[in-house]
Amino acid sequence: MIEYSPAAAGEFLSFVNNFYAFHLRSHFFHTLLTNMGKKDPEDEVFEFRIKFYHSGSEFVNERHFIALNHSLALEMFEFASRKDSMEVEIIGLEKWNRWANRWESSEELVEEEVGLVS
């Protein structure tokens, strides 16, 4: 039967820490640093602002959606419009650029996707 000796365990751990210290620590930090901060660009979400009119109104409304792309934002807007039984006319789609701290207009995207909401 093998006896457990705290002194022997301490000596073994000391050996491992001294002998493999650089390798273990450098491998740990290398793995940590290479995996940290690497995100799949497909997983990035953006804030979209959709400006629209209610049918029969001249007041401009807007709704904000967090989505992966403009198509999904428009689909969510379509769902919300149907759920609230609203007839709407989209007049603008903007994407928030967090690096420039401003809204970027995307009217050409609305013209492409207008069939989704109408």
N, C-alpha and C. Protein backbone atom coordinates (compact mmCIF):
# COMPACT_ATOMS: atom_id res chain seq x y z
N MET A 1 0.84 -1.17 0.00
CA MET A 1 0.00 0.00 0.00
C MET A 1 0.89 1.24 0.00
N ILE A 2 0.51 2.26 -0.78
CA ILE A 2 1.29 3.49 -0.88
C ILE A 2 0.80 4.46 0.19
N GLU A 3 1.73 5.01 0.91
CA GLU A 3 1.38 5.97 1.95
C GLU A 3 1.47 7.38 1.38
N TYR A 4 0.54 8.21 1.82
CA TYR A 4 0.52 9.61 1.40
C TYR A 4 1.37 10.41 2.37
N SER A 5 2.26 11.16 1.82
CA SER A 5 3.12 11.98 2.64
C SER A 5 3.03 13.42 2.13
N PRO A 6 2.55 14.34 2.97
CA PRO A 6 2.43 15.73 2.53
C PRO A 6 3.77 16.30 2.09
N ALA A 7 4.84 15.88 2.72
CA ALA A 7 6.17 16.39 2.34
C ALA A 7 6.52 15.93 0.93
N ALA A 8 6.21 14.66 0.61
CA ALA A 8 6.50 14.13 -0.73
C ALA A 8 5.67 14.86 -1.77
N ALA A 9 4.41 15.13 -1.45
CA ALA A 9 3.55 15.85 -2.38
C ALA A 9 4.09 17.26 -2.60
N GLY A 10 4.52 17.90 -1.56
CA GLY A 10 5.09 19.24 -1.68
C GLY A 10 6.35 19.26 -2.52
N GLU A 11 7.20 18.22 -2.33
CA GLU A 11 8.42 18.13 -3.12
C GLU A 11 8.11 17.94 -4.59
N PHE A 12 7.11 17.11 -4.89
CA PHE A 12 6.73 16.86 -6.28
C PHE A 12 6.21 18.15 -6.92
N LEU A 13 5.33 18.86 -6.22
CA LEU A 13 4.79 20.11 -6.76
C LEU A 13 5.88 21.14 -6.95
N SER A 14 6.83 21.18 -6.04
CA SER A 14 7.94 22.10 -6.17
C SER A 14 8.76 21.77 -7.42
N PHE A 15 8.99 20.47 -7.65
CA PHE A 15 9.72 20.04 -8.84
C PHE A 15 8.98 20.47 -10.11
N VAL A 16 7.67 20.21 -10.15
CA VAL A 16 6.88 20.57 -11.33
C VAL A 16 6.91 22.07 -11.56
N ASN A 17 6.70 22.83 -10.50
CA ASN A 17 6.69 24.29 -10.64
C ASN A 17 8.04 24.83 -11.10
N ASN A 18 9.11 24.28 -10.59
CA ASN A 18 10.43 24.77 -10.98
C ASN A 18 10.83 24.30 -12.38
N PHE A 19 10.56 23.04 -12.68
CA PHE A 19 11.04 22.48 -13.94
C PHE A 19 10.21 22.96 -15.13
N TYR A 20 8.89 23.01 -14.93
CA TYR A 20 8.00 23.37 -16.02
C TYR A 20 7.41 24.77 -15.89
N ALA A 21 7.95 25.57 -15.02
CA ALA A 21 7.36 26.87 -14.74
C ALA A 21 7.21 27.73 -15.99
N PHE A 22 8.29 27.86 -16.73
CA PHE A 22 8.24 28.73 -17.90
C PHE A 22 7.31 28.16 -18.95
N HIS A 23 7.43 26.85 -19.21
CA HIS A 23 6.61 26.23 -20.25
C HIS A 23 5.13 26.31 -19.90
N LEU A 24 4.79 25.95 -18.66
CA LEU A 24 3.38 25.96 -18.27
C LEU A 24 2.80 27.37 -18.31
N ARG A 25 3.52 28.32 -17.77
CA ARG A 25 2.99 29.69 -17.72
C ARG A 25 2.92 30.29 -19.12
N SER A 26 3.95 30.08 -19.91
CA SER A 26 3.93 30.68 -21.24
C SER A 26 2.84 30.05 -22.09
N HIS A 27 2.62 28.75 -21.96
CA HIS A 27 1.57 28.09 -22.72
C HIS A 27 0.20 28.60 -22.28
N PHE A 28 0.00 28.73 -20.97
CA PHE A 28 -1.28 29.22 -20.45
C PHE A 28 -1.58 30.61 -20.98
N PHE A 29 -0.62 31.53 -20.86
CA PHE A 29 -0.86 32.90 -21.29
C PHE A 29 -0.95 33.01 -22.81
N HIS A 30 -0.17 32.19 -23.52
CA HIS A 30 -0.26 32.20 -24.98
C HIS A 30 -1.65 31.78 -25.41
N THR A 31 -2.16 30.70 -24.83
CA THR A 31 -3.50 30.23 -25.16
C THR A 31 -4.55 31.27 -24.79
N LEU A 32 -4.41 31.83 -23.61
CA LEU A 32 -5.37 32.83 -23.16
C LEU A 32 -5.39 34.04 -24.08
N LEU A 33 -4.22 34.54 -24.44
CA LEU A 33 -4.15 35.75 -25.26
C LEU A 33 -4.56 35.50 -26.71
N THR A 34 -4.27 34.33 -27.24
CA THR A 34 -4.66 34.07 -28.63
C THR A 34 -6.15 33.82 -28.75
N ASN A 35 -6.77 33.25 -27.72
CA ASN A 35 -8.21 33.00 -27.79
C ASN A 35 -9.02 34.22 -27.38
N MET A 36 -8.46 35.08 -26.56
CA MET A 36 -9.17 36.27 -26.12
C MET A 36 -9.26 37.27 -27.25
N GLY A 37 -10.39 37.89 -27.41
CA GLY A 37 -10.52 38.95 -28.38
C GLY A 37 -10.79 38.48 -29.79
N LYS A 38 -10.71 37.19 -30.04
CA LYS A 38 -11.01 36.69 -31.38
C LYS A 38 -12.50 36.37 -31.44
N LYS A 39 -13.22 37.19 -32.17
CA LYS A 39 -14.65 36.97 -32.32
C LYS A 39 -14.94 36.69 -33.78
N ASP A 40 -15.93 35.90 -33.99
CA ASP A 40 -16.38 35.63 -35.33
C ASP A 40 -17.13 36.85 -35.85
N PRO A 41 -16.72 37.43 -36.98
CA PRO A 41 -17.40 38.63 -37.47
C PRO A 41 -18.88 38.40 -37.74
N GLU A 42 -19.28 37.15 -37.95
CA GLU A 42 -20.69 36.86 -38.19
C GLU A 42 -21.52 37.01 -36.92
N ASP A 43 -20.88 36.99 -35.74
CA ASP A 43 -21.60 37.10 -34.49
C ASP A 43 -21.76 38.53 -34.01
N GLU A 44 -21.24 39.49 -34.75
CA GLU A 44 -21.31 40.89 -34.32
C GLU A 44 -22.71 41.44 -34.59
N VAL A 45 -23.27 42.11 -33.60
CA VAL A 45 -24.59 42.70 -33.75
C VAL A 45 -24.47 44.22 -33.86
N PHE A 46 -25.46 44.81 -34.50
CA PHE A 46 -25.48 46.24 -34.73
C PHE A 46 -26.83 46.79 -34.32
N GLU A 47 -26.86 48.08 -34.05
CA GLU A 47 -28.12 48.75 -33.75
C GLU A 47 -28.60 49.43 -35.03
N PHE A 48 -29.86 49.16 -35.36
CA PHE A 48 -30.48 49.78 -36.53
C PHE A 48 -31.64 50.65 -36.07
N ARG A 49 -31.81 51.77 -36.75
CA ARG A 49 -32.92 52.68 -36.47
C ARG A 49 -33.75 52.76 -37.74
N ILE A 50 -35.02 52.41 -37.61
CA ILE A 50 -35.93 52.45 -38.75
C ILE A 50 -36.89 53.60 -38.53
N LYS A 51 -36.92 54.53 -39.48
CA LYS A 51 -37.85 55.66 -39.44
C LYS A 51 -39.01 55.35 -40.37
N PHE A 52 -40.23 55.69 -39.91
CA PHE A 52 -41.40 55.34 -40.70
C PHE A 52 -42.57 56.27 -40.39
N TYR A 53 -43.55 56.25 -41.29
CA TYR A 53 -44.82 56.93 -41.10
C TYR A 53 -45.89 55.88 -40.84
N HIS A 54 -46.84 56.19 -39.96
CA HIS A 54 -48.06 55.40 -39.87
C HIS A 54 -48.92 55.81 -41.05
N SER A 55 -49.75 54.91 -41.53
CA SER A 55 -50.61 55.29 -42.66
C SER A 55 -51.58 56.37 -42.20
N GLY A 56 -51.68 57.43 -43.00
CA GLY A 56 -52.57 58.54 -42.69
C GLY A 56 -51.99 59.55 -41.72
N SER A 57 -50.71 59.47 -41.40
CA SER A 57 -50.10 60.39 -40.46
C SER A 57 -48.86 61.01 -41.11
N GLU A 58 -48.55 62.23 -40.70
CA GLU A 58 -47.35 62.88 -41.21
C GLU A 58 -46.25 62.92 -40.15
N PHE A 59 -46.49 62.33 -38.99
CA PHE A 59 -45.53 62.31 -37.90
C PHE A 59 -44.53 61.19 -38.12
N VAL A 60 -43.24 61.50 -38.07
CA VAL A 60 -42.18 60.50 -38.27
C VAL A 60 -41.95 59.76 -36.96
N ASN A 61 -42.02 58.44 -37.03
CA ASN A 61 -41.75 57.57 -35.89
C ASN A 61 -40.45 56.83 -36.14
N GLU A 62 -39.91 56.27 -35.09
CA GLU A 62 -38.72 55.44 -35.26
C GLU A 62 -38.74 54.31 -34.25
N ARG A 63 -38.16 53.21 -34.66
CA ARG A 63 -37.96 52.06 -33.79
C ARG A 63 -36.52 51.59 -33.94
N HIS A 64 -35.99 51.07 -32.85
CA HIS A 64 -34.60 50.61 -32.82
C HIS A 64 -34.59 49.09 -32.67
N PHE A 65 -33.68 48.45 -33.39
CA PHE A 65 -33.53 47.00 -33.32
C PHE A 65 -32.06 46.65 -33.27
N ILE A 66 -31.74 45.62 -32.50
CA ILE A 66 -30.39 45.06 -32.45
C ILE A 66 -30.43 43.79 -33.29
N ALA A 67 -29.59 43.76 -34.34
CA ALA A 67 -29.63 42.62 -35.26
C ALA A 67 -28.24 42.40 -35.86
N LEU A 68 -28.10 41.24 -36.50
CA LEU A 68 -26.84 40.90 -37.16
C LEU A 68 -26.65 41.67 -38.46
N ASN A 69 -27.77 41.98 -39.14
CA ASN A 69 -27.68 42.71 -40.40
C ASN A 69 -29.00 43.45 -40.66
N HIS A 70 -29.03 44.24 -41.73
CA HIS A 70 -30.20 45.05 -42.01
C HIS A 70 -31.43 44.21 -42.36
N SER A 71 -31.23 43.06 -43.00
CA SER A 71 -32.36 42.20 -43.35
C SER A 71 -33.09 41.70 -42.12
N LEU A 72 -32.34 41.29 -41.12
CA LEU A 72 -32.96 40.80 -39.89
C LEU A 72 -33.66 41.93 -39.14
N ALA A 73 -33.07 43.13 -39.17
CA ALA A 73 -33.71 44.28 -38.52
C ALA A 73 -35.05 44.59 -39.19
N LEU A 74 -35.07 44.53 -40.52
CA LEU A 74 -36.33 44.77 -41.24
C LEU A 74 -37.35 43.67 -40.99
N GLU A 75 -36.89 42.43 -40.86
CA GLU A 75 -37.81 41.33 -40.54
C GLU A 75 -38.42 41.53 -39.15
N MET A 76 -37.60 41.95 -38.19
CA MET A 76 -38.13 42.21 -36.85
C MET A 76 -39.13 43.36 -36.87
N PHE A 77 -38.83 44.39 -37.66
CA PHE A 77 -39.74 45.51 -37.79
C PHE A 77 -41.06 45.07 -38.42
N GLU A 78 -40.98 44.23 -39.44
CA GLU A 78 -42.19 43.70 -40.08
C GLU A 78 -43.02 42.91 -39.07
N PHE A 79 -42.35 42.08 -38.27
CA PHE A 79 -43.07 41.30 -37.26
C PHE A 79 -43.76 42.21 -36.25
N ALA A 80 -43.05 43.23 -35.77
CA ALA A 80 -43.63 44.15 -34.79
C ALA A 80 -44.79 44.92 -35.39
N SER A 81 -44.67 45.30 -36.66
CA SER A 81 -45.75 46.04 -37.33
C SER A 81 -46.99 45.17 -37.47
N ARG A 82 -46.81 43.92 -37.87
CA ARG A 82 -47.96 43.01 -37.99
C ARG A 82 -48.58 42.73 -36.63
N LYS A 83 -47.74 42.54 -35.62
CA LYS A 83 -48.23 42.25 -34.27
C LYS A 83 -49.08 43.40 -33.74
N ASP A 84 -48.64 44.65 -34.00
CA ASP A 84 -49.38 45.82 -33.54
C ASP A 84 -50.44 46.27 -34.53
N SER A 85 -50.64 45.51 -35.60
CA SER A 85 -51.60 45.84 -36.66
C SER A 85 -51.40 47.25 -37.19
N MET A 86 -50.16 47.58 -37.50
CA MET A 86 -49.84 48.91 -38.03
C MET A 86 -49.55 48.81 -39.53
N GLU A 87 -50.08 49.75 -40.27
CA GLU A 87 -49.70 49.89 -41.66
C GLU A 87 -48.70 51.03 -41.70
N VAL A 88 -47.50 50.75 -42.21
CA VAL A 88 -46.41 51.72 -42.14
C VAL A 88 -45.78 51.92 -43.50
N GLU A 89 -45.09 53.04 -43.62
CA GLU A 89 -44.27 53.33 -44.80
C GLU A 89 -42.88 53.69 -44.29
N ILE A 90 -41.89 52.86 -44.63
CA ILE A 90 -40.52 53.09 -44.17
C ILE A 90 -39.91 54.24 -44.97
N ILE A 91 -39.32 55.19 -44.27
CA ILE A 91 -38.66 56.30 -44.95
C ILE A 91 -37.15 56.31 -44.73
N GLY A 92 -36.66 55.49 -43.81
CA GLY A 92 -35.22 55.48 -43.58
C GLY A 92 -34.77 54.31 -42.74
N LEU A 93 -33.57 53.84 -43.04
CA LEU A 93 -32.92 52.79 -42.26
C LEU A 93 -31.51 53.26 -41.99
N GLU A 94 -31.13 53.29 -40.72
CA GLU A 94 -29.80 53.75 -40.34
C GLU A 94 -29.14 52.72 -39.44
N LYS A 95 -27.84 52.65 -39.56
CA LYS A 95 -27.03 51.73 -38.75
C LYS A 95 -26.11 52.56 -37.88
N TRP A 96 -26.04 52.23 -36.60
CA TRP A 96 -25.19 52.97 -35.66
C TRP A 96 -23.75 52.53 -35.84
N ASN A 97 -22.88 53.51 -36.09
CA ASN A 97 -21.45 53.26 -36.18
C ASN A 97 -20.84 53.66 -34.83
N ARG A 98 -20.55 52.69 -34.00
CA ARG A 98 -20.08 52.99 -32.65
C ARG A 98 -18.67 53.57 -32.64
N TRP A 99 -17.92 53.33 -33.70
CA TRP A 99 -16.55 53.85 -33.75
C TRP A 99 -16.54 55.33 -34.12
N ALA A 100 -17.46 55.74 -34.98
CA ALA A 100 -17.55 57.15 -35.37
C ALA A 100 -18.57 57.91 -34.54
N ASN A 101 -19.32 57.18 -33.71
CA ASN A 101 -20.33 57.77 -32.82
C ASN A 101 -21.39 58.54 -33.62
N ARG A 102 -21.92 57.88 -34.66
CA ARG A 102 -22.95 58.53 -35.48
C ARG A 102 -23.80 57.47 -36.19
N TRP A 103 -24.96 57.90 -36.65
CA TRP A 103 -25.84 57.06 -37.46
C TRP A 103 -25.41 57.17 -38.92
N GLU A 104 -25.35 56.04 -39.60
CA GLU A 104 -25.03 56.02 -41.02
C GLU A 104 -26.27 55.62 -41.79
N SER A 105 -26.65 56.45 -42.73
CA SER A 105 -27.86 56.24 -43.51
C SER A 105 -27.70 55.05 -44.44
N SER A 106 -28.80 54.33 -44.61
CA SER A 106 -28.78 53.16 -45.49
C SER A 106 -30.06 53.12 -46.32
N GLU A 107 -30.37 54.23 -47.00
CA GLU A 107 -31.60 54.28 -47.79
C GLU A 107 -31.63 53.23 -48.89
N GLU A 108 -30.46 52.95 -49.48
CA GLU A 108 -30.44 51.95 -50.54
C GLU A 108 -30.84 50.57 -50.02
N LEU A 109 -30.59 50.31 -48.75
CA LEU A 109 -31.00 49.04 -48.17
C LEU A 109 -32.51 48.96 -48.04
N VAL A 110 -33.14 50.07 -47.71
CA VAL A 110 -34.60 50.09 -47.59
C VAL A 110 -35.23 49.82 -48.94
N GLU A 111 -34.69 50.43 -49.99
CA GLU A 111 -35.26 50.22 -51.33
C GLU A 111 -35.15 48.75 -51.74
N GLU A 112 -34.06 48.09 -51.37
CA GLU A 112 -33.90 46.67 -51.70
C GLU A 112 -34.90 45.80 -50.94
N GLU A 113 -35.15 46.14 -49.67
CA GLU A 113 -35.93 45.29 -48.79
C GLU A 113 -37.35 45.78 -48.58
N VAL A 114 -37.82 46.76 -49.34
CA VAL A 114 -39.13 47.33 -49.09
C VAL A 114 -40.24 46.30 -49.26
N GLY A 115 -40.01 45.28 -50.05
CA GLY A 115 -41.00 44.22 -50.23
C GLY A 115 -41.28 43.46 -48.95
N LEU A 116 -40.35 43.44 -48.02
CA LEU A 116 -40.56 42.74 -46.74
C LEU A 116 -41.68 43.37 -45.93
N VAL A 117 -41.73 44.69 -45.90
CA VAL A 117 -42.65 45.36 -45.00
C VAL A 117 -43.97 45.68 -45.66
N SER A 118 -43.96 45.98 -46.91
CA SER A 118 -45.20 46.39 -47.60
C SER A 118 -46.16 45.24 -47.75
